[in-house]
C-alpha atoms as a PDB file:
ATOM      1  CA  MET A   1       0.000   0.000   0.000  1.00  0.00           C
ATOM      2  CA  GLU A   2       1.130   3.524  -0.700  1.00  0.00           C
ATOM      3  CA  ILE A   3      -0.567   6.617   0.694  1.00  0.00           C
ATOM      4  CA  LEU A   4       0.521  10.069  -0.381  1.00  0.00           C
ATOM      5  CA  GLY A   5       3.698   8.578  -1.841  1.00  0.00           C
ATOM      6  CA  VAL A   6       4.938   7.542   1.629  1.00  0.00           C
ATOM      7  CA  TYR A   7       6.968   4.332   1.908  1.00  0.00           C
ATOM      8  CA  LYS A   8       5.093   1.321   3.276  1.00  0.00           C
ATOM      9  CA  ASN A   9       7.526   0.767   6.168  1.00  0.00           C
ATOM     10  CA  TYR A  10       7.028   4.331   7.460  1.00  0.00           C
ATOM     11  CA  PRO A  11       5.190   4.428  10.831  1.00  0.00           C
ATOM     12  CA  PHE A  12       2.397   6.588   9.346  1.00  0.00           C
ATOM     13  CA  VAL A  13       1.575   3.917   6.759  1.00  0.00           C
ATOM     14  CA  LYS A  14       1.861   1.097   9.279  1.00  0.00           C
ATOM     15  CA  ALA A  15      -0.589   2.885  11.594  1.00  0.00           C
ATOM     16  CA  THR A  16      -3.096   3.831   8.894  1.00  0.00           C
ATOM     17  CA  ASP A  17      -2.933   0.328   7.407  1.00  0.00           C
ATOM     18  CA  LYS A  18      -3.841  -1.113  10.797  1.00  0.00           C
ATOM     19  CA  GLN A  19      -6.775   1.367  10.883  1.00  0.00           C
ATOM     20  CA  GLY A  20      -8.012   0.032   7.513  1.00  0.00           C
ATOM     21  CA  VAL A  21      -6.758   2.884   5.335  1.00  0.00           C
ATOM     22  CA  LYS A  22      -5.732   1.438   1.972  1.00  0.00           C
ATOM     23  CA  SER A  23      -5.594   4.556  -0.212  1.00  0.00           C
ATOM     24  CA  THR A  24      -5.414   8.331  -0.118  1.00  0.00           C
ATOM     25  CA  SER A  25      -9.186   8.549  -0.576  1.00  0.00           C
ATOM     26  CA  ASP A  26      -9.677   6.554   2.648  1.00  0.00           C
ATOM     27  CA  LEU A  27      -8.061   9.415   4.581  1.00  0.00           C
ATOM     28  CA  PHE A  28     -11.219  11.507   4.106  1.00  0.00           C
ATOM     29  CA  SER A  29     -13.300   9.221   6.311  1.00  0.00           C
ATOM     30  CA  ILE A  30     -10.928   9.200   9.291  1.00  0.00           C
ATOM     31  CA  THR A  31     -12.325  11.062  12.270  1.00  0.00           C
ATOM     32  CA  GLU A  32     -10.295  13.175  14.683  1.00  0.00           C
ATOM     33  CA  GLU A  33     -10.587  10.368  17.244  1.00  0.00           C
ATOM     34  CA  ASP A  34      -9.188   7.909  14.675  1.00  0.00           C
ATOM     35  CA  ILE A  35      -6.285  10.253  13.936  1.00  0.00           C
ATOM     36  CA  LEU A  36      -5.417  10.588  17.620  1.00  0.00           C
ATOM     37  CA  ALA A  37      -5.625   6.813  18.078  1.00  0.00           C
ATOM     38  CA  LEU A  38      -3.207   5.932  15.252  1.00  0.00           C
ATOM     39  CA  LYS A  39      -0.445   3.673  16.553  1.00  0.00           C
ATOM     40  CA  TYR A  40       2.093   1.381  14.949  1.00  0.00           C
ATOM     41  CA  ASN A  41       4.010  -1.629  16.197  1.00  0.00           C
ATOM     42  CA  ASP A  42       7.553  -0.577  17.080  1.00  0.00           C
ATOM     43  CA  ASN A  43       9.313  -3.811  18.072  1.00  0.00           C
ATOM     44  CA  GLY A  44       6.334  -5.002  20.082  1.00  0.00           C
ATOM     45  CA  VAL A  45       5.426  -1.603  21.536  1.00  0.00           C
ATOM     46  CA  LYS A  46       2.316   0.206  20.281  1.00  0.00           C
ATOM     47  CA  THR A  47       3.636   3.680  19.565  1.00  0.00           C
ATOM     48  CA  PRO A  48       1.504   6.693  18.585  1.00  0.00           C
ATOM     49  CA  ILE A  49       2.435   8.327  15.294  1.00  0.00           C
ATOM     50  CA  GLN A  50       4.086  11.724  15.486  1.00  0.00           C
ATOM     51  CA  ARG A  51       2.189  14.992  15.113  1.00  0.00           C
ATOM     52  CA  THR A  52       3.445  15.727  11.595  1.00  0.00           C
ATOM     53  CA  PRO A  53       1.686  12.736   9.983  1.00  0.00           C
ATOM     54  CA  MET A  54      -1.438  13.587  11.961  1.00  0.00           C
ATOM     55  CA  SER A  55      -1.270  17.041  10.393  1.00  0.00           C
ATOM     56  CA  TRP A  56      -0.926  15.505   6.919  1.00  0.00           C
ATOM     57  CA  ILE A  57      -4.308  13.829   7.342  1.00  0.00           C
ATOM     58  CA  ARG A  58      -5.989  16.991   8.624  1.00  0.00           C
ATOM     59  CA  THR A  59      -4.440  19.048   5.812  1.00  0.00           C
ATOM     60  CA  ILE A  60      -5.532  16.732   3.019  1.00  0.00           C
ATOM     61  CA  GLN A  61      -9.040  16.561   4.506  1.00  0.00           C
ATOM     62  CA  ALA A  62      -9.256  20.372   4.600  1.00  0.00           C
ATOM     63  CA  TRP A  63      -7.809  20.681   1.098  1.00  0.00           C
ATOM     64  CA  ASN A  64     -10.364  18.227  -0.284  1.00  0.00           C
ATOM     65  CA  LEU A  65     -13.201  20.216   1.321  1.00  0.00           C
ATOM     66  CA  GLU A  66     -11.825  23.432  -0.182  1.00  0.00           C
ATOM     67  CA  LEU A  67     -11.692  21.836  -3.626  1.00  0.00           C
ATOM     68  CA  ILE A  68     -15.320  20.767  -3.283  1.00  0.00           C
ATOM     69  CA  PHE A  69     -16.905  23.814  -1.653  1.00  0.00           C
ATOM     70  CA  VAL A  70     -14.734  26.712  -2.845  1.00  0.00           C
ATOM     71  CA  HIS A  71     -13.701  25.540  -6.300  1.00  0.00           C
ATOM     72  CA  GLY A  72     -16.600  23.202  -7.120  1.00  0.00           C
ATOM     73  CA  MET A  73     -14.196  20.376  -7.967  1.00  0.00           C
ATOM     74  CA  GLN A  74     -14.969  16.752  -7.206  1.00  0.00           C
ATOM     75  CA  ILE A  75     -11.725  14.750  -7.316  1.00  0.00           C
ATOM     76  CA  ASN A  76     -11.646  11.020  -7.950  1.00  0.00           C
ATOM     77  CA  TRP A  77      -8.751  10.170  -5.629  1.00  0.00           C
ATOM     78  CA  MET A  78      -8.630   6.608  -6.971  1.00  0.00           C
ATOM     79  CA  ASP A  79      -7.704   7.845 -10.484  1.00  0.00           C
ATOM     80  CA  GLN A  80      -3.937   8.423 -10.260  1.00  0.00           C
ATOM     81  CA  GLN A  81      -3.719   9.943 -13.764  1.00  0.00           C
ATOM     82  CA  ASN A  82      -6.349  12.531 -12.870  1.00  0.00           C
ATOM     83  CA  ILE A  83      -4.603  13.405  -9.613  1.00  0.00           C
ATOM     84  CA  ASP A  84      -1.248  13.843 -11.352  1.00  0.00           C
ATOM     85  CA  LYS A  85      -2.655  16.225 -14.006  1.00  0.00           C
ATOM     86  CA  ASP A  86      -2.003  19.466 -12.164  1.00  0.00           C
END
């Protein structure tokens, strides 16, 4: 799995994978509680992800809402060619 071009062994991807996030579009359904609960297995210890990846999720959620409500754009986040256009 690859989300936002982040390597699959990165703690952010490990934590979101455990939460059921399989693609960038899945990030839009994560609640604030889900974001705060994201943890990954660090040699047997459940470790919370750092604040920066938490901010990535919040930022992409806000950006998607701006695209929809301010610019009237509906993005198909599953279509990689469409995403890479701009």
